[in-house]
């Protein structure tokens, strides 16, 4: 059970977030922040002092995400985030992970060297690349996708060629750098 405390300036926003969170049977809403495992905050405020001891999920429209993370937030989502994204952010924060919506990841990830792919991967190739990241063999990929082992091998070879990789591991590493695979 994850105990969550909701902080919002508006009673309506607080009630809405409480109702959304209580739909999940593994989340319990608590009235006291000191009893909470996670705080969900509607809006961003710079904390006074060292920052919160409890992980904070921030829902906001206009905040610098790096500033929010530096101030101790564990997850930063737009106010229009889906209920599933908010619940996932609560789980991530409770587990000690950092969460950000996929569309906002460029705001927090360093853009030091961006590789480009001349020939983009197909959706099926992306799916196979994710399975390569899990360490699956061609036979296991074929079984999971309901295709022949020969077809799985064809997809792997196509991925290696498109990512200019010599090995499966190199392809996964390039896929991670390109944002095609999340670990």
C-alpha atoms as a PDB file:
ATOM      1  CA  UNK A   1       0.000   0.000   0.000  1.00  0.00           C
ATOM      2  CA  UNK A   2       1.357   3.411  -1.021  1.00  0.00           C
ATOM      3  CA  UNK A   3       0.205   6.267   1.199  1.00  0.00           C
ATOM      4  CA  UNK A   4      -0.218   9.486  -0.790  1.00  0.00           C
ATOM      5  CA  UNK A   5      -0.787  13.037   0.410  1.00  0.00           C
ATOM      6  CA  UNK A   6      -2.230  15.501  -2.124  1.00  0.00           C
ATOM      7  CA  UNK A   7      -1.273  19.188  -2.006  1.00  0.00           C
ATOM      8  CA  UNK A   8      -3.283  21.623  -4.134  1.00  0.00           C
ATOM      9  CA  UNK A   9      -4.241  25.268  -3.783  1.00  0.00           C
ATOM     10  CA  UNK A  10      -7.780  24.503  -4.915  1.00  0.00           C
ATOM     11  CA  UNK A  11     -10.091  22.220  -2.930  1.00  0.00           C
ATOM     12  CA  UNK A  12     -11.581  21.049  -6.232  1.00  0.00           C
ATOM     13  CA  UNK A  13      -8.183  20.044  -7.620  1.00  0.00           C
ATOM     14  CA  UNK A  14      -7.315  18.303  -4.351  1.00  0.00           C
ATOM     15  CA  UNK A  15     -10.603  16.377  -4.342  1.00  0.00           C
ATOM     16  CA  UNK A  16     -10.173  15.406  -7.990  1.00  0.00           C
ATOM     17  CA  UNK A  17      -6.634  14.107  -7.451  1.00  0.00           C
ATOM     18  CA  UNK A  18      -7.708  12.246  -4.292  1.00  0.00           C
ATOM     19  CA  UNK A  19     -10.582  10.600  -6.188  1.00  0.00           C
ATOM     20  CA  UNK A  20      -8.282   9.630  -9.060  1.00  0.00           C
ATOM     21  CA  UNK A  21      -5.702   8.107  -6.740  1.00  0.00           C
ATOM     22  CA  UNK A  22      -8.244   6.256  -4.599  1.00  0.00           C
ATOM     23  CA  UNK A  23      -9.521   4.389  -7.660  1.00  0.00           C
ATOM     24  CA  UNK A  24      -6.310   2.348  -7.360  1.00  0.00           C
ATOM     25  CA  UNK A  25      -6.694  -0.236  -4.567  1.00  0.00           C
ATOM     26  CA  UNK A  26      -2.955  -0.104  -3.773  1.00  0.00           C
ATOM     27  CA  UNK A  27      -3.001   3.633  -3.018  1.00  0.00           C
ATOM     28  CA  UNK A  28      -4.305   5.137   0.200  1.00  0.00           C
ATOM     29  CA  UNK A  29      -4.903   8.867   0.586  1.00  0.00           C
ATOM     30  CA  UNK A  30      -3.600  10.361   3.840  1.00  0.00           C
ATOM     31  CA  UNK A  31      -4.313  13.770   5.329  1.00  0.00           C
ATOM     32  CA  UNK A  32      -0.891  14.330   6.872  1.00  0.00           C
ATOM     33  CA  UNK A  33       2.249  14.756   4.759  1.00  0.00           C
ATOM     34  CA  UNK A  34       4.302  13.184   7.564  1.00  0.00           C
ATOM     35  CA  UNK A  35       2.367   9.908   7.103  1.00  0.00           C
ATOM     36  CA  UNK A  36       2.825   9.842   3.314  1.00  0.00           C
ATOM     37  CA  UNK A  37       5.110   7.689   1.193  1.00  0.00           C
ATOM     38  CA  UNK A  38       4.598  10.074  -1.750  1.00  0.00           C
ATOM     39  CA  UNK A  39       3.292  13.625  -2.080  1.00  0.00           C
ATOM     40  CA  UNK A  40       1.371  14.643  -5.202  1.00  0.00           C
ATOM     41  CA  UNK A  41       1.603  18.403  -5.625  1.00  0.00           C
ATOM     42  CA  UNK A  42      -0.591  20.367  -8.000  1.00  0.00           C
ATOM     43  CA  UNK A  43       1.821  23.125  -8.935  1.00  0.00           C
ATOM     44  CA  UNK A  44       5.516  23.683  -8.317  1.00  0.00           C
ATOM     45  CA  UNK A  45       6.966  25.568  -5.385  1.00  0.00           C
ATOM     46  CA  UNK A  46      10.653  25.946  -4.580  1.00  0.00           C
ATOM     47  CA  UNK A  47      11.058  24.229  -1.236  1.00  0.00           C
ATOM     48  CA  UNK A  48      12.568  26.209   1.586  1.00  0.00           C
ATOM     49  CA  UNK A  49      15.653  24.531   3.008  1.00  0.00           C
ATOM     50  CA  UNK A  50      16.943  21.158   1.921  1.00  0.00           C
ATOM     51  CA  UNK A  51      13.913  19.870   0.059  1.00  0.00           C
ATOM     52  CA  UNK A  52      11.331  17.236   0.873  1.00  0.00           C
ATOM     53  CA  UNK A  53      12.139  13.998   2.699  1.00  0.00           C
ATOM     54  CA  UNK A  54       9.202  12.324   0.950  1.00  0.00           C
ATOM     55  CA  UNK A  55       9.258  11.835  -2.855  1.00  0.00           C
ATOM     56  CA  UNK A  56       7.158  14.441  -4.653  1.00  0.00           C
ATOM     57  CA  UNK A  57       5.184  14.117  -7.898  1.00  0.00           C
ATOM     58  CA  UNK A  58       4.658  17.586  -9.389  1.00  0.00           C
ATOM     59  CA  UNK A  59       1.800  18.377 -11.780  1.00  0.00           C
ATOM     60  CA  UNK A  60       2.412  21.693 -13.490  1.00  0.00           C
ATOM     61  CA  UNK A  61       2.056  23.705 -16.675  1.00  0.00           C
ATOM     62  CA  UNK A  62       4.994  26.057 -16.505  1.00  0.00           C
ATOM     63  CA  UNK A  63       8.091  24.931 -14.684  1.00  0.00           C
ATOM     64  CA  UNK A  64      11.625  24.204 -15.670  1.00  0.00           C
ATOM     65  CA  UNK A  65      11.824  20.445 -15.272  1.00  0.00           C
ATOM     66  CA  UNK A  66      15.515  20.445 -14.364  1.00  0.00           C
ATOM     67  CA  UNK A  67      14.745  23.016 -11.632  1.00  0.00           C
ATOM     68  CA  UNK A  68      11.942  20.841 -10.297  1.00  0.00           C
ATOM     69  CA  UNK A  69      14.185  17.772 -10.181  1.00  0.00           C
ATOM     70  CA  UNK A  70      17.005  19.749  -8.543  1.00  0.00           C
ATOM     71  CA  UNK A  71      14.551  20.866  -5.859  1.00  0.00           C
ATOM     72  CA  UNK A  72      13.739  17.268  -4.965  1.00  0.00           C
ATOM     73  CA  UNK A  73      10.805  16.307  -7.184  1.00  0.00           C
ATOM     74  CA  UNK A  74      10.834  12.651  -8.251  1.00  0.00           C
ATOM     75  CA  UNK A  75       8.333  13.053 -11.075  1.00  0.00           C
ATOM     76  CA  UNK A  76       7.226  16.045 -13.116  1.00  0.00           C
ATOM     77  CA  UNK A  77       4.145  15.796 -15.311  1.00  0.00           C
ATOM     78  CA  UNK A  78       2.000  18.272 -17.165  1.00  0.00           C
ATOM     79  CA  UNK A  79      -1.321  19.067 -15.483  1.00  0.00           C
ATOM     80  CA  UNK A  80      -3.133  17.418 -18.387  1.00  0.00           C
ATOM     81  CA  UNK A  81      -1.357  14.094 -17.713  1.00  0.00           C
ATOM     82  CA  UNK A  82      -3.549  11.044 -17.975  1.00  0.00           C
ATOM     83  CA  UNK A  83      -4.679   9.215 -14.836  1.00  0.00           C
ATOM     84  CA  UNK A  84      -2.464   6.287 -15.857  1.00  0.00           C
ATOM     85  CA  UNK A  85       0.581   8.586 -16.078  1.00  0.00           C
ATOM     86  CA  UNK A  86      -0.124  10.067 -12.646  1.00  0.00           C
ATOM     87  CA  UNK A  87      -0.550   6.607 -11.075  1.00  0.00           C
ATOM     88  CA  UNK A  88       2.643   5.389 -12.793  1.00  0.00           C
ATOM     89  CA  UNK A  89       4.528   8.449 -11.498  1.00  0.00           C
ATOM     90  CA  UNK A  90       3.333   7.708  -7.949  1.00  0.00           C
ATOM     91  CA  UNK A  91       4.555   4.109  -8.239  1.00  0.00           C
ATOM     92  CA  UNK A  92       7.883   5.286  -9.678  1.00  0.00           C
ATOM     93  CA  UNK A  93       8.389   7.887  -6.946  1.00  0.00           C
ATOM     94  CA  UNK A  94       7.515   5.347  -4.224  1.00  0.00           C
ATOM     95  CA  UNK A  95      10.092   2.966  -5.714  1.00  0.00           C
ATOM     96  CA  UNK A  96      12.771   5.673  -5.670  1.00  0.00           C
ATOM     97  CA  UNK A  97      12.712   6.199  -9.418  1.00  0.00           C
ATOM     98  CA  UNK A  98      12.474   9.418 -11.400  1.00  0.00           C
ATOM     99  CA  UNK A  99       9.606   9.824 -13.852  1.00  0.00           C
ATOM    100  CA  UNK A 100       8.862  12.229 -16.663  1.00  0.00           C
ATOM    101  CA  UNK A 101       6.408  11.969 -19.548  1.00  0.00           C
ATOM    102  CA  UNK A 102       7.999  10.615 -22.722  1.00  0.00           C
ATOM    103  CA  UNK A 103       7.164  13.785 -24.640  1.00  0.00           C
ATOM    104  CA  UNK A 104       9.035  15.859 -22.019  1.00  0.00           C
ATOM    105  CA  UNK A 105      12.172  13.728 -21.721  1.00  0.00           C
ATOM    106  CA  UNK A 106      14.226  16.048 -23.963  1.00  0.00           C
ATOM    107  CA  UNK A 107      13.800  18.753 -21.309  1.00  0.00           C
ATOM    108  CA  UNK A 108      15.715  16.713 -18.723  1.00  0.00           C
ATOM    109  CA  UNK A 109      18.057  14.454 -20.670  1.00  0.00           C
ATOM    110  CA  UNK A 110      21.366  15.917 -21.788  1.00  0.00           C
ATOM    111  CA  UNK A 111      21.644  16.457 -25.527  1.00  0.00           C
ATOM    112  CA  UNK A 112      25.417  16.244 -25.790  1.00  0.00           C
ATOM    113  CA  UNK A 113      25.725  14.022 -28.844  1.00  0.00           C
ATOM    114  CA  UNK A 114      22.688  13.032 -30.835  1.00  0.00           C
ATOM    115  CA  UNK A 115      23.118  10.194 -33.289  1.00  0.00           C
ATOM    116  CA  UNK A 116      20.892  10.029 -36.317  1.00  0.00           C
ATOM    117  CA  UNK A 117      19.496   7.032 -38.126  1.00  0.00           C
ATOM    118  CA  UNK A 118      19.359   7.431 -41.900  1.00  0.00           C
ATOM    119  CA  UNK A 119      16.788   4.678 -42.328  1.00  0.00           C
ATOM    120  CA  UNK A 120      14.316   4.669 -39.396  1.00  0.00           C
ATOM    121  CA  UNK A 121      13.265   1.404 -37.795  1.00  0.00           C
ATOM    122  CA  UNK A 122       9.814   0.044 -38.552  1.00  0.00           C
ATOM    123  CA  UNK A 123       7.430  -0.481 -35.622  1.00  0.00           C
ATOM    124  CA  UNK A 124       8.151  -4.236 -35.780  1.00  0.00           C
ATOM    125  CA  UNK A 125      11.908  -3.610 -35.765  1.00  0.00           C
ATOM    126  CA  UNK A 126      11.510  -1.345 -32.740  1.00  0.00           C
ATOM    127  CA  UNK A 127       9.571  -4.118 -31.017  1.00  0.00           C
ATOM    128  CA  UNK A 128      12.343  -6.609 -31.843  1.00  0.00           C
ATOM    129  CA  UNK A 129      14.993  -4.127 -30.612  1.00  0.00           C
ATOM    130  CA  UNK A 130      13.171  -3.918 -27.264  1.00  0.00           C
ATOM    131  CA  UNK A 131      13.276  -7.713 -27.071  1.00  0.00           C
ATOM    132  CA  UNK A 132      16.992  -7.639 -27.876  1.00  0.00           C
ATOM    133  CA  UNK A 133      17.377  -5.268 -24.930  1.00  0.00           C
ATOM    134  CA  UNK A 134      15.686  -7.921 -22.769  1.00  0.00           C
ATOM    135  CA  UNK A 135      18.363 -10.364 -23.926  1.00  0.00           C
ATOM    136  CA  UNK A 136      16.070 -12.631 -25.932  1.00  0.00           C
ATOM    137  CA  UNK A 137      17.445 -14.973 -28.582  1.00  0.00           C
ATOM    138  CA  UNK A 138      16.086 -15.114 -32.142  1.00  0.00           C
ATOM    139  CA  UNK A 139      14.150 -18.255 -31.192  1.00  0.00           C
ATOM    140  CA  UNK A 140      12.552 -16.515 -28.174  1.00  0.00           C
ATOM    141  CA  UNK A 141      11.731 -13.418 -30.246  1.00  0.00           C
ATOM    142  CA  UNK A 142      10.121 -15.605 -32.910  1.00  0.00           C
ATOM    143  CA  UNK A 143       8.033 -17.429 -30.311  1.00  0.00           C
ATOM    144  CA  UNK A 144       6.890 -14.232 -28.598  1.00  0.00           C
ATOM    145  CA  UNK A 145       5.902 -12.570 -31.889  1.00  0.00           C
ATOM    146  CA  UNK A 146       4.411 -15.686 -33.475  1.00  0.00           C
ATOM    147  CA  UNK A 147       6.788 -15.533 -36.447  1.00  0.00           C
ATOM    148  CA  UNK A 148       9.403 -17.914 -37.828  1.00  0.00           C
ATOM    149  CA  UNK A 149      12.931 -17.921 -36.472  1.00  0.00           C
ATOM    150  CA  UNK A 150      14.122 -16.982 -39.960  1.00  0.00           C
ATOM    151  CA  UNK A 151      11.891 -13.854 -39.927  1.00  0.00           C
ATOM    152  CA  UNK A 152      13.176 -12.914 -36.463  1.00  0.00           C
ATOM    153  CA  UNK A 153      16.754 -13.258 -37.713  1.00  0.00           C
ATOM    154  CA  UNK A 154      15.862 -11.076 -40.728  1.00  0.00           C
ATOM    155  CA  UNK A 155      14.523  -8.351 -38.379  1.00  0.00           C
ATOM    156  CA  UNK A 156      17.660  -8.522 -36.210  1.00  0.00           C
ATOM    157  CA  UNK A 157      19.936  -8.223 -39.246  1.00  0.00           C
ATOM    158  CA  UNK A 158      17.899  -5.284 -40.535  1.00  0.00           C
ATOM    159  CA  UNK A 159      18.226  -3.557 -37.137  1.00  0.00           C
ATOM    160  CA  UNK A 160      21.986  -4.141 -37.100  1.00  0.00           C
ATOM    161  CA  UNK A 161      22.293  -2.641 -40.572  1.00  0.00           C
ATOM    162  CA  UNK A 162      20.068   0.383 -39.882  1.00  0.00           C
ATOM    163  CA  UNK A 163      21.827   1.183 -36.608  1.00  0.00           C
ATOM    164  CA  UNK A 164      25.257   0.479 -38.121  1.00  0.00           C
ATOM    165  CA  UNK A 165      25.957  -1.989 -35.329  1.00  0.00           C
ATOM    166  CA  UNK A 166      28.219  -5.014 -35.435  1.00  0.00           C
ATOM    167  CA  UNK A 167      26.591  -6.859 -32.526  1.00  0.00           C
ATOM    168  CA  UNK A 168      23.226  -7.158 -30.839  1.00  0.00           C
ATOM    169  CA  UNK A 169      24.627  -5.408 -27.754  1.00  0.00           C
ATOM    170  CA  UNK A 170      25.908  -2.513 -29.846  1.00  0.00           C
ATOM    171  CA  UNK A 171      22.490  -2.216 -31.504  1.00  0.00           C
ATOM    172  CA  UNK A 172      20.784  -2.055 -28.105  1.00  0.00           C
ATOM    173  CA  UNK A 173      23.239   0.588 -26.878  1.00  0.00           C
ATOM    174  CA  UNK A 174      22.660   2.715 -29.978  1.00  0.00           C
ATOM    175  CA  UNK A 175      18.918   2.199 -29.587  1.00  0.00           C
ATOM    176  CA  UNK A 176      19.128   3.491 -26.014  1.00  0.00           C
ATOM    177  CA  UNK A 177      21.138   6.545 -27.101  1.00  0.00           C
ATOM    178  CA  UNK A 178      18.618   7.275 -29.832  1.00  0.00           C
ATOM    179  CA  UNK A 179      15.691   6.958 -27.458  1.00  0.00           C
ATOM    180  CA  UNK A 180      14.309   3.927 -29.281  1.00  0.00           C
ATOM    181  CA  UNK A 181      14.665   1.718 -26.212  1.00  0.00           C
ATOM    182  CA  UNK A 182      13.974   2.798 -22.650  1.00  0.00           C
ATOM    183  CA  UNK A 183      15.598   0.848 -19.841  1.00  0.00           C
END
